[in-house]
PDB file of N, CA and C in Angstrom:
ATOM      1  N   MET A   1      45.884 119.288   9.449  1.00  0.00           N
ATOM      2  CA  MET A   1      46.562 119.867   8.363  1.00  0.00           C
ATOM      3  C   MET A   1      48.133 119.897   8.839  1.00  0.00           C
ATOM      4  N   GLU A   2      48.915 119.444   7.987  1.00  0.00           N
ATOM      5  CA  GLU A   2      50.296 119.383   8.344  1.00  0.00           C
ATOM      6  C   GLU A   2      50.946 120.722   7.882  1.00  0.00           C
ATOM      7  N   THR A   3      51.363 121.444   8.977  1.00  0.00           N
ATOM      8  CA  THR A   3      52.204 122.824   8.797  1.00  0.00           C
ATOM      9  C   THR A   3      53.514 122.568   8.458  1.00  0.00           C
ATOM     10  N   GLU A   4      54.102 121.484   8.826  1.00  0.00           N
ATOM     11  CA  GLU A   4      55.569 121.212   8.634  1.00  0.00           C
ATOM     12  C   GLU A   4      55.669 120.230   7.586  1.00  0.00           C
ATOM     13  N   PRO A   5      56.578 120.609   6.527  1.00  0.00           N
ATOM     14  CA  PRO A   5      56.833 119.444   5.561  1.00  0.00           C
ATOM     15  C   PRO A   5      57.486 118.308   6.225  1.00  0.00           C
ATOM     16  N   ARG A   6      57.352 117.213   5.647  1.00  0.00           N
ATOM     17  CA  ARG A   6      57.834 115.882   6.192  1.00  0.00           C
ATOM     18  C   ARG A   6      59.418 115.843   6.338  1.00  0.00           C
ATOM     19  N   GLU A   7      59.973 116.243   5.306  1.00  0.00           N
ATOM     20  CA  GLU A   7      61.491 116.435   5.229  1.00  0.00           C
ATOM     21  C   GLU A   7      62.019 117.183   6.540  1.00  0.00           C
ATOM     22  N   ALA A   8      61.239 118.291   6.911  1.00  0.00           N
ATOM     23  CA  ALA A   8      61.767 119.029   8.060  1.00  0.00           C
ATOM     24  C   ALA A   8      61.473 118.152   9.241  1.00  0.00           C
ATOM     25  N   ARG A   9      60.450 117.487   9.486  1.00  0.00           N
ATOM     26  CA  ARG A   9      60.168 116.793  10.644  1.00  0.00           C
ATOM     27  C   ARG A   9      61.399 115.587  10.588  1.00  0.00           C
ATOM     28  N   VAL A  10      61.728 115.035   9.559  1.00  0.00           N
ATOM     29  CA  VAL A  10      62.633 113.902   9.675  1.00  0.00           C
ATOM     30  C   VAL A  10      64.015 114.424   9.939  1.00  0.00           C
ATOM     31  N   GLU A  11      64.246 115.670   9.545  1.00  0.00           N
ATOM     32  CA  GLU A  11      65.642 116.434   9.751  1.00  0.00           C
ATOM     33  C   GLU A  11      65.631 116.659  11.408  1.00  0.00           C
ATOM     34  N   SER A  12      64.668 117.134  11.695  1.00  0.00           N
ATOM     35  CA  SER A  12      64.624 117.623  13.218  1.00  0.00           C
ATOM     36  C   SER A  12      64.683 116.346  14.042  1.00  0.00           C
ATOM     37  N   SER A  13      64.029 115.062  13.704  1.00  0.00           N
ATOM     38  CA  SER A  13      64.018 113.865  14.438  1.00  0.00           C
ATOM     39  C   SER A  13      65.371 113.383  14.397  1.00  0.00           C
ATOM     40  N   LEU A  14      66.227 113.515  13.273  1.00  0.00           N
ATOM     41  CA  LEU A  14      67.616 112.983  13.245  1.00  0.00           C
ATOM     42  C   LEU A  14      68.516 113.882  14.068  1.00  0.00           C
ATOM     43  N   GLU A  15      68.348 115.189  14.106  1.00  0.00           N
ATOM     44  CA  GLU A  15      69.025 116.047  15.045  1.00  0.00           C
ATOM     45  C   GLU A  15      68.766 115.608  16.460  1.00  0.00           C
ATOM     46  N   GLU A  16      67.680 115.384  16.824  1.00  0.00           N
ATOM     47  CA  GLU A  16      67.289 114.945  18.178  1.00  0.00           C
ATOM     48  C   GLU A  16      67.979 113.707  18.535  1.00  0.00           C
ATOM     49  N   THR A  17      67.963 112.631  17.528  1.00  0.00           N
ATOM     50  CA  THR A  17      68.595 111.327  17.778  1.00  0.00           C
ATOM     51  C   THR A  17      70.002 111.477  18.019  1.00  0.00           C
ATOM     52  N   GLU A  18      70.671 112.581  17.012  1.00  0.00           N
ATOM     53  CA  GLU A  18      72.022 112.670  17.290  1.00  0.00           C
ATOM     54  C   GLU A  18      72.388 113.334  18.448  1.00  0.00           C
ATOM     55  N   THR A  19      71.561 114.218  18.897  1.00  0.00           N
ATOM     56  CA  THR A  19      71.801 114.888  20.367  1.00  0.00           C
ATOM     57  C   THR A  19      71.818 113.934  21.431  1.00  0.00           C
ATOM     58  N   HIS A  20      70.703 113.016  21.452  1.00  0.00           N
ATOM     59  CA  HIS A  20      70.712 112.111  22.312  1.00  0.00           C
ATOM     60  C   HIS A  20      71.872 111.099  22.359  1.00  0.00           C
ATOM     61  N   ALA A  21      72.262 110.717  21.292  1.00  0.00           N
ATOM     62  CA  ALA A  21      73.346 109.838  21.190  1.00  0.00           C
ATOM     63  C   ALA A  21      74.726 110.466  21.662  1.00  0.00           C
ATOM     64  N   HIS A  22      74.918 111.745  21.430  1.00  0.00           N
ATOM     65  CA  HIS A  22      75.960 112.376  21.922  1.00  0.00           C
ATOM     66  C   HIS A  22      75.908 112.411  23.643  1.00  0.00           C
ATOM     67  N   GLU A  23      74.786 112.863  23.947  1.00  0.00           N
ATOM     68  CA  GLU A  23      74.511 112.987  25.359  1.00  0.00           C
ATOM     69  C   GLU A  23      74.670 111.631  26.066  1.00  0.00           C
ATOM     70  N   ASP A  24      74.519 110.604  25.365  1.00  0.00           N
ATOM     71  CA  ASP A  24      74.523 109.176  26.000  1.00  0.00           C
ATOM     72  C   ASP A  24      76.016 108.843  26.042  1.00  0.00           C
ATOM     73  N   GLU A  25      76.843 109.228  25.031  1.00  0.00           N
ATOM     74  CA  GLU A  25      78.294 108.931  24.879  1.00  0.00           C
ATOM     75  C   GLU A  25      78.984 109.728  25.984  1.00  0.00           C
ATOM     76  N   ARG A  26      78.522 111.033  26.173  1.00  0.00           N
ATOM     77  CA  ARG A  26      79.142 111.923  27.227  1.00  0.00           C
ATOM     78  C   ARG A  26      78.917 111.244  28.482  1.00  0.00           C
ATOM     79  N   LEU A  27      77.624 110.834  28.809  1.00  0.00           N
ATOM     80  CA  LEU A  27      77.241 110.133  30.118  1.00  0.00           C
ATOM     81  C   LEU A  27      78.225 108.968  30.363  1.00  0.00           C
ATOM     82  N   ALA A  28      78.307 108.035  29.371  1.00  0.00           N
ATOM     83  CA  ALA A  28      79.022 106.847  29.445  1.00  0.00           C
ATOM     84  C   ALA A  28      80.540 107.143  29.760  1.00  0.00           C
ATOM     85  N   GLU A  29      81.064 108.303  29.180  1.00  0.00           N
ATOM     86  CA  GLU A  29      82.394 108.705  29.373  1.00  0.00           C
ATOM     87  C   GLU A  29      82.584 109.106  30.921  1.00  0.00           C
ATOM     88  N   ASP A  30      81.576 110.039  31.259  1.00  0.00           N
ATOM     89  CA  ASP A  30      81.619 110.292  32.588  1.00  0.00           C
ATOM     90  C   ASP A  30      81.589 109.381  33.720  1.00  0.00           C
ATOM     91  N   ALA A  31      80.809 108.371  33.355  1.00  0.00           N
ATOM     92  CA  ALA A  31      80.587 107.126  34.229  1.00  0.00           C
ATOM     93  C   ALA A  31      81.998 106.310  34.357  1.00  0.00           C
ATOM     94  N   SER A  32      82.477 106.064  33.094  1.00  0.00           N
ATOM     95  CA  SER A  32      83.869 105.345  32.992  1.00  0.00           C
ATOM     96  C   SER A  32      84.835 106.087  33.610  1.00  0.00           C
ATOM     97  N   HIS A  33      84.849 107.478  33.682  1.00  0.00           N
ATOM     98  CA  HIS A  33      85.863 108.358  34.279  1.00  0.00           C
ATOM     99  C   HIS A  33      85.754 108.141  35.809  1.00  0.00           C
ATOM    100  N   ALA A  34      84.526 108.272  36.255  1.00  0.00           N
ATOM    101  CA  ALA A  34      84.412 108.115  37.626  1.00  0.00           C
ATOM    102  C   ALA A  34      84.738 106.937  38.220  1.00  0.00           C
ATOM    103  N   ARG A  35      84.648 105.709  37.562  1.00  0.00           N
ATOM    104  CA  ARG A  35      84.785 104.272  37.958  1.00  0.00           C
ATOM    105  C   ARG A  35      86.561 104.453  37.847  1.00  0.00           C
ATOM    106  N   ARG A  36      86.955 105.052  36.882  1.00  0.00           N
ATOM    107  CA  ARG A  36      88.603 104.994  36.685  1.00  0.00           C
ATOM    108  C   ARG A  36      89.183 105.795  37.919  1.00  0.00           C
ATOM    109  N   VAL A  37      88.569 106.789  38.273  1.00  0.00           N
ATOM    110  CA  VAL A  37      89.193 107.684  39.307  1.00  0.00           C
ATOM    111  C   VAL A  37      89.228 106.950  40.521  1.00  0.00           C
ATOM    112  N   VAL A  38      88.161 106.238  40.804  1.00  0.00           N
ATOM    113  CA  VAL A  38      87.922 105.603  42.192  1.00  0.00           C
ATOM    114  C   VAL A  38      88.891 104.372  42.122  1.00  0.00           C
ATOM    115  N   PHE A  39      88.989 103.689  40.884  1.00  0.00           N
ATOM    116  CA  PHE A  39      90.007 102.729  40.925  1.00  0.00           C
ATOM    117  C   PHE A  39      91.443 103.144  40.996  1.00  0.00           C
ATOM    118  N   GLU A  40      91.759 104.238  40.443  1.00  0.00           N
ATOM    119  CA  GLU A  40      93.190 104.869  40.726  1.00  0.00           C
ATOM    120  C   GLU A  40      93.406 105.165  42.018  1.00  0.00           C
ATOM    121  N   GLN A  41      92.484 105.337  43.044  1.00  0.00           N
ATOM    122  CA  GLN A  41      92.700 105.740  44.450  1.00  0.00           C
ATOM    123  C   GLN A  41      92.508 104.511  45.231  1.00  0.00           C
ATOM    124  N   ALA A  42      92.437 103.307  44.743  1.00  0.00           N
ATOM    125  CA  ALA A  42      92.101 102.227  45.553  1.00  0.00           C
ATOM    126  C   ALA A  42      93.270 101.951  46.478  1.00  0.00           C
ATOM    127  N   TRP A  43      94.460 101.906  46.144  1.00  0.00           N
ATOM    128  CA  TRP A  43      95.679 101.755  47.144  1.00  0.00           C
ATOM    129  C   TRP A  43      95.724 102.949  48.120  1.00  0.00           C
ATOM    130  N   LEU A  44      95.219 104.028  47.763  1.00  0.00           N
ATOM    131  CA  LEU A  44      95.296 104.972  48.780  1.00  0.00           C
ATOM    132  C   LEU A  44      94.199 104.951  49.921  1.00  0.00           C
ATOM    133  N   VAL A  45      93.056 104.270  49.392  1.00  0.00           N
ATOM    134  CA  VAL A  45      91.997 103.987  50.411  1.00  0.00           C
ATOM    135  C   VAL A  45      92.531 102.710  51.236  1.00  0.00           C
ATOM    136  N   VAL A  46      93.063 101.795  50.770  1.00  0.00           N
ATOM    137  CA  VAL A  46      93.575 100.627  51.447  1.00  0.00           C
ATOM    138  C   VAL A  46      94.614 101.049  52.460  1.00  0.00           C
ATOM    139  N   ALA A  47      95.392 102.128  52.133  1.00  0.00           N
ATOM    140  CA  ALA A  47      96.633 102.710  53.072  1.00  0.00           C
ATOM    141  C   ALA A  47      95.845 103.349  54.071  1.00  0.00           C
ATOM    142  N   VAL A  48      94.950 104.185  53.793  1.00  0.00           N
ATOM    143  CA  VAL A  48      94.291 104.844  54.855  1.00  0.00           C
ATOM    144  C   VAL A  48      93.507 104.016  55.893  1.00  0.00           C
ATOM    145  N   VAL A  49      92.873 103.092  55.284  1.00  0.00           N
ATOM    146  CA  VAL A  49      92.105 102.084  56.155  1.00  0.00           C
ATOM    147  C   VAL A  49      93.164 101.289  57.151  1.00  0.00           C
ATOM    148  N   LEU A  50      94.275 100.880  56.460  1.00  0.00           N
ATOM    149  CA  LEU A  50      95.280 100.044  57.415  1.00  0.00           C
ATOM    150  C   LEU A  50      95.972 101.029  58.278  1.00  0.00           C
ATOM    151  N   LEU A  51      96.050 102.305  58.028  1.00  0.00           N
ATOM    152  CA  LEU A  51      96.513 103.235  59.039  1.00  0.00           C
ATOM    153  C   LEU A  51      95.762 103.436  60.231  1.00  0.00           C
ATOM    154  N   ILE A  52      94.345 103.441  59.773  1.00  0.00           N
ATOM    155  CA  ILE A  52      93.251 103.681  60.920  1.00  0.00           C
ATOM    156  C   ILE A  52      93.203 102.445  61.818  1.00  0.00           C
ATOM    157  N   VAL A  53      93.245 101.285  61.133  1.00  0.00           N
ATOM    158  CA  VAL A  53      93.326  99.896  61.921  1.00  0.00           C
ATOM    159  C   VAL A  53      94.587 100.005  62.811  1.00  0.00           C
ATOM    160  N   ALA A  54      95.852 100.477  62.309  1.00  0.00           N
ATOM    161  CA  ALA A  54      96.922 100.554  63.017  1.00  0.00           C
ATOM    162  C   ALA A  54      96.845 101.414  64.246  1.00  0.00           C
ATOM    163  N   LEU A  55      96.123 102.446  64.157  1.00  0.00           N
ATOM    164  CA  LEU A  55      95.919 103.403  65.198  1.00  0.00           C
ATOM    165  C   LEU A  55      94.975 102.740  66.302  1.00  0.00           C
ATOM    166  N   VAL A  56      93.965 102.254  65.886  1.00  0.00           N
ATOM    167  CA  VAL A  56      93.104 101.410  66.699  1.00  0.00           C
ATOM    168  C   VAL A  56      93.789 100.391  67.585  1.00  0.00           C
ATOM    169  N   PHE A  57      94.657  99.642  66.773  1.00  0.00           N
ATOM    170  CA  PHE A  57      95.413  98.571  67.476  1.00  0.00           C
ATOM    171  C   PHE A  57      96.253  99.254  68.525  1.00  0.00           C
ATOM    172  N   LEU A  58      96.935 100.304  68.283  1.00  0.00           N
ATOM    173  CA  LEU A  58      97.858 101.108  69.299  1.00  0.00           C
ATOM    174  C   LEU A  58      97.214 101.566  70.230  1.00  0.00           C
ATOM    175  N   LEU A  59      95.804 102.177  70.152  1.00  0.00           N
ATOM    176  CA  LEU A  59      95.094 102.605  71.338  1.00  0.00           C
ATOM    177  C   LEU A  59      94.741 101.434  72.314  1.00  0.00           C
ATOM    178  N   ARG A  60      94.384 100.163  71.560  1.00  0.00           N
ATOM    179  CA  ARG A  60      94.168  99.181  72.411  1.00  0.00           C
ATOM    180  C   ARG A  60      95.435  98.371  73.012  1.00  0.00           C
ATOM    181  N   SER A  61      96.599  99.131  72.818  1.00  0.00           N
ATOM    182  CA  SER A  61      97.974  98.424  73.263  1.00  0.00           C
ATOM    183  C   SER A  61      98.333  97.011  72.605  1.00  0.00           C
ATOM    184  N   HIS A  62      97.909  96.787  71.329  1.00  0.00           N
ATOM    185  CA  HIS A  62      98.219  95.680  70.600  1.00  0.00           C
ATOM    186  C   HIS A  62      99.372  96.264  69.616  1.00  0.00           C
ATOM    187  N   THR A  63     100.586  96.467  70.211  1.00  0.00           N
ATOM    188  CA  THR A  63     101.684  97.146  69.447  1.00  0.00           C
ATOM    189  C   THR A  63     102.140  96.301  68.299  1.00  0.00           C
ATOM    190  N   ASP A  64     102.157  95.038  68.319  1.00  0.00           N
ATOM    191  CA  ASP A  64     102.709  94.168  67.268  1.00  0.00           C
ATOM    192  C   ASP A  64     101.706  94.078  66.311  1.00  0.00           C
ATOM    193  N   ALA A  65     100.435  94.066  66.335  1.00  0.00           N
ATOM    194  CA  ALA A  65      99.484  94.251  65.263  1.00  0.00           C
ATOM    195  C   ALA A  65      99.299  95.538  64.714  1.00  0.00           C
ATOM    196  N   ALA A  66      99.665  96.629  65.633  1.00  0.00           N
ATOM    197  CA  ALA A  66      99.663  98.011  65.220  1.00  0.00           C
ATOM    198  C   ALA A  66     100.697  98.109  64.180  1.00  0.00           C
ATOM    199  N   PHE A  67     101.884  97.563  64.418  1.00  0.00           N
ATOM    200  CA  PHE A  67     103.203  97.541  63.490  1.00  0.00           C
ATOM    201  C   PHE A  67     102.937  97.001  62.240  1.00  0.00           C
ATOM    202  N   VAL A  68     102.290  95.887  62.243  1.00  0.00           N
ATOM    203  CA  VAL A  68     102.129  95.037  61.065  1.00  0.00           C
ATOM    204  C   VAL A  68     100.959  95.899  60.223  1.00  0.00           C
ATOM    205  N   ALA A  69      99.904  96.255  60.872  1.00  0.00           N
ATOM    206  CA  ALA A  69      99.105  97.090  60.021  1.00  0.00           C
ATOM    207  C   ALA A  69      99.540  98.375  59.394  1.00  0.00           C
ATOM    208  N   ALA A  70     100.461  99.144  60.206  1.00  0.00           N
ATOM    209  CA  ALA A  70     100.998 100.266  59.786  1.00  0.00           C
ATOM    210  C   ALA A  70     101.954  99.987  58.626  1.00  0.00           C
ATOM    211  N   ALA A  71     102.632  98.959  58.675  1.00  0.00           N
ATOM    212  CA  ALA A  71     103.729  98.604  57.794  1.00  0.00           C
ATOM    213  C   ALA A  71     102.893  98.247  56.385  1.00  0.00           C
ATOM    214  N   LEU A  72     101.781  97.436  56.586  1.00  0.00           N
ATOM    215  CA  LEU A  72     100.966  97.184  55.344  1.00  0.00           C
ATOM    216  C   LEU A  72     100.520  98.396  54.656  1.00  0.00           C
ATOM    217  N   GLY A  73     100.094  99.355  55.595  1.00  0.00           N
ATOM    218  CA  GLY A  73      99.408 100.651  55.198  1.00  0.00           C
ATOM    219  C   GLY A  73     100.567 101.393  54.217  1.00  0.00           C
ATOM    220  N   VAL A  74     101.622 101.472  54.883  1.00  0.00           N
ATOM    221  CA  VAL A  74     102.867 102.162  54.158  1.00  0.00           C
ATOM    222  C   VAL A  74     103.174 101.500  52.686  1.00  0.00           C
ATOM    223  N   CYS A  75     102.955 100.265  52.848  1.00  0.00           N
ATOM    224  CA  CYS A  75     103.252  99.435  51.565  1.00  0.00           C
ATOM    225  C   CYS A  75     102.222  99.868  50.521  1.00  0.00           C
ATOM    226  N   ALA A  76     100.939  99.903  51.039  1.00  0.00           N
ATOM    227  CA  ALA A  76      99.749 100.354  50.104  1.00  0.00           C
ATOM    228  C   ALA A  76      99.989 101.656  49.497  1.00  0.00           C
ATOM    229  N   TRP A  77     100.575 102.546  50.463  1.00  0.00           N
ATOM    230  CA  TRP A  77     100.730 103.936  50.010  1.00  0.00           C
ATOM    231  C   TRP A  77     101.819 104.051  49.000  1.00  0.00           C
ATOM    232  N   PHE A  78     102.989 103.188  49.133  1.00  0.00           N
ATOM    233  CA  PHE A  78     103.943 103.321  48.048  1.00  0.00           C
ATOM    234  C   PHE A  78     103.405 102.631  46.723  1.00  0.00           C
ATOM    235  N   LEU A  79     102.493 101.628  47.040  1.00  0.00           N
ATOM    236  CA  LEU A  79     101.898 101.149  45.501  1.00  0.00           C
ATOM    237  C   LEU A  79     100.986 102.166  44.804  1.00  0.00           C
ATOM    238  N   ASN A  80     100.355 102.925  45.580  1.00  0.00           N
ATOM    239  CA  ASN A  80      99.575 104.101  45.046  1.00  0.00           C
ATOM    240  C   ASN A  80     100.495 105.053  44.463  1.00  0.00           C
ATOM    241  N   VAL A  81     101.501 105.490  44.974  1.00  0.00           N
ATOM    242  CA  VAL A  81     102.680 106.350  44.433  1.00  0.00           C
ATOM    243  C   VAL A  81     103.047 105.665  43.031  1.00  0.00           C
ATOM    244  N   ARG A  82     103.434 104.347  43.087  1.00  0.00           N
ATOM    245  CA  ARG A  82     104.070 103.707  41.889  1.00  0.00           C
ATOM    246  C   ARG A  82     103.034 103.651  40.777  1.00  0.00           C
ATOM    247  N   ASP A  83     101.751 103.210  41.308  1.00  0.00           N
ATOM    248  CA  ASP A  83     100.570 103.107  40.055  1.00  0.00           C
ATOM    249  C   ASP A  83     100.355 104.641  39.554  1.00  0.00           C
ATOM    250  N   GLY A  84     100.647 105.824  40.341  1.00  0.00           N
ATOM    251  CA  GLY A  84     100.359 107.167  39.985  1.00  0.00           C
ATOM    252  C   GLY A  84     101.412 107.509  38.861  1.00  0.00           C
ATOM    253  N   LEU A  85     102.778 107.040  39.205  1.00  0.00           N
ATOM    254  CA  LEU A  85     103.797 107.564  38.395  1.00  0.00           C
ATOM    255  C   LEU A  85     103.684 106.813  36.993  1.00  0.00           C
ATOM    256  N   LYS A  86     103.360 105.391  37.075  1.00  0.00           N
ATOM    257  CA  LYS A  86     103.066 104.711  35.889  1.00  0.00           C
ATOM    258  C   LYS A  86     101.993 105.353  34.839  1.00  0.00           C
ATOM    259  N   ARG A  87     100.851 105.796  35.563  1.00  0.00           N
ATOM    260  CA  ARG A  87      99.827 106.422  34.821  1.00  0.00           C
ATOM    261  C   ARG A  87     100.266 107.789  34.354  1.00  0.00           C
ATOM    262  N   LYS A  88     101.051 108.429  35.177  1.00  0.00           N
ATOM    263  CA  LYS A  88     101.400 109.828  34.641  1.00  0.00           C
ATOM    264  C   LYS A  88     102.477 109.962  33.578  1.00  0.00           C
ATOM    265  N   HIS A  89     103.193 108.872  33.552  1.00  0.00           N
ATOM    266  CA  HIS A  89     104.218 108.907  32.570  1.00  0.00           C
ATOM    267  C   HIS A  89     103.946 107.752  31.337  1.00  0.00           C
ATOM    268  N   GLY A  90     102.672 107.027  31.565  1.00  0.00           N
ATOM    269  CA  GLY A  90     102.345 106.257  30.596  1.00  0.00           C
ATOM    270  C   GLY A  90     103.135 104.926  30.344  1.00  0.00           C
ATOM    271  N   LEU A  91     103.539 104.398  31.415  1.00  0.00           N
ATOM    272  CA  LEU A  91     104.498 103.292  31.235  1.00  0.00           C
ATOM    273  C   LEU A  91     103.761 101.871  31.299  1.00  0.00           C
ATOM    274  N   GLN A  92     104.373 100.762  30.620  1.00  0.00           N
ATOM    275  CA  GLN A  92     104.034  99.494  30.690  1.00  0.00           C
ATOM    276  C   GLN A  92     105.150  98.442  30.905  1.00  0.00           C
ATOM    277  N   LYS A  93     104.945  97.536  31.372  1.00  0.00           N
ATOM    278  CA  LYS A  93     106.170  96.538  31.650  1.00  0.00           C
ATOM    279  C   LYS A  93     106.595  95.805  30.446  1.00  0.00           C
ATOM    280  N   GLN A  94     108.027  95.899  30.264  1.00  0.00           N
ATOM    281  CA  GLN A  94     108.564  95.246  29.197  1.00  0.00           C
ATOM    282  C   GLN A  94     109.621  94.470  29.573  1.00  0.00           C
ATOM    283  N   GLY A  95     109.228  93.267  30.118  1.00  0.00           N
ATOM    284  CA  GLY A  95     110.177  92.356  30.690  1.00  0.00           C
ATOM    285  C   GLY A  95     110.446  92.262  32.224  1.00  0.00           C
ATOM    286  N   PRO A  96     111.110  91.514  32.856  1.00  0.00           N
ATOM    287  CA  PRO A  96     111.197  91.560  34.116  1.00  0.00           C
ATOM    288  C   PRO A  96     111.586  92.772  34.853  1.00  0.00           C
ATOM    289  N   ARG A  97     112.430  93.557  34.352  1.00  0.00           N
ATOM    290  CA  ARG A  97     113.017  94.833  34.920  1.00  0.00           C
ATOM    291  C   ARG A  97     112.947  96.075  34.169  1.00  0.00           C
ATOM    292  N   ASN A  98     112.387  95.996  33.018  1.00  0.00           N
ATOM    293  CA  ASN A  98     112.356  97.188  32.076  1.00  0.00           C
ATOM    294  C   ASN A  98     110.951  97.813  31.917  1.00  0.00           C
ATOM    295  N   TRP A  99     110.758  99.049  31.637  1.00  0.00           N
ATOM    296  CA  TRP A  99     109.548  99.692  31.402  1.00  0.00           C
ATOM    297  C   TRP A  99     109.631 100.463  30.234  1.00  0.00           C
ATOM    298  N   LYS A 100     108.471 100.589  29.290  1.00  0.00           N
ATOM    299  CA  LYS A 100     108.570 101.596  28.313  1.00  0.00           C
ATOM    300  C   LYS A 100     107.309 102.278  28.261  1.00  0.00           C
ATOM    301  N   PRO A 101     107.361 103.431  27.262  1.00  0.00           N
ATOM    302  CA  PRO A 101     105.895 104.191  27.269  1.00  0.00           C
ATOM    303  C   PRO A 101     104.954 103.313  26.440  1.00  0.00           C
ATOM    304  N   ARG A 102     103.694 103.602  26.774  1.00  0.00           N
ATOM    305  CA  ARG A 102     102.669 102.737  26.303  1.00  0.00           C
ATOM    306  C   ARG A 102     102.600 102.981  24.679  1.00  0.00           C
ATOM    307  N   ASP A 103     102.808 103.987  24.231  1.00  0.00           N
ATOM    308  CA  ASP A 103     102.738 104.254  22.812  1.00  0.00           C
ATOM    309  C   ASP A 103     103.662 103.537  21.855  1.00  0.00           C
ATOM    310  N   GLY A 104     104.674 103.051  22.580  1.00  0.00           N
ATOM    311  CA  GLY A 104     105.830 102.153  22.011  1.00  0.00           C
ATOM    312  C   GLY A 104     106.920 103.134  21.258  1.00  0.00           C
ATOM    313  N   SER A 105     106.916 104.333  21.393  1.00  0.00           N
ATOM    314  CA  SER A 105     107.806 105.409  20.727  1.00  0.00           C
ATOM    315  C   SER A 105     109.147 105.526  21.407  1.00  0.00           C
ATOM    316  N   GLY A 106     109.214 105.051  22.581  1.00  0.00           N
ATOM    317  CA  GLY A 106     110.575 105.139  23.444  1.00  0.00           C
ATOM    318  C   GLY A 106     111.244 103.981  23.486  1.00  0.00           C
ATOM    319  N   GLU A 107     112.465 103.974  23.930  1.00  0.00           N
ATOM    320  CA  GLU A 107     113.508 102.849  24.125  1.00  0.00           C
ATOM    321  C   GLU A 107     113.211 102.458  25.619  1.00  0.00           C
TER     322      GLU A 107
END
């Protein structure tokens, strides 16, 4: 014996499907956000690794290699700051020396 009318079962099934679809979208957004956060910090990770390598070279008395590794680490840190500022202000390149907002509303 059916205690629930067929329409009610179909509606509840549709609601469950929509709920699962929303959960899947949310999970996909969370995963893409996590990848984006990791990628946003890529230059910072490179900078830290290079500075650690510079420290190891310095402890082993390879001063020239330590200087090169430290200089590259500082360059990577500056690239991290530059990318962060571009993201913060939503800038994109417009020619060899000019930048504009991504939405195109600015000069």
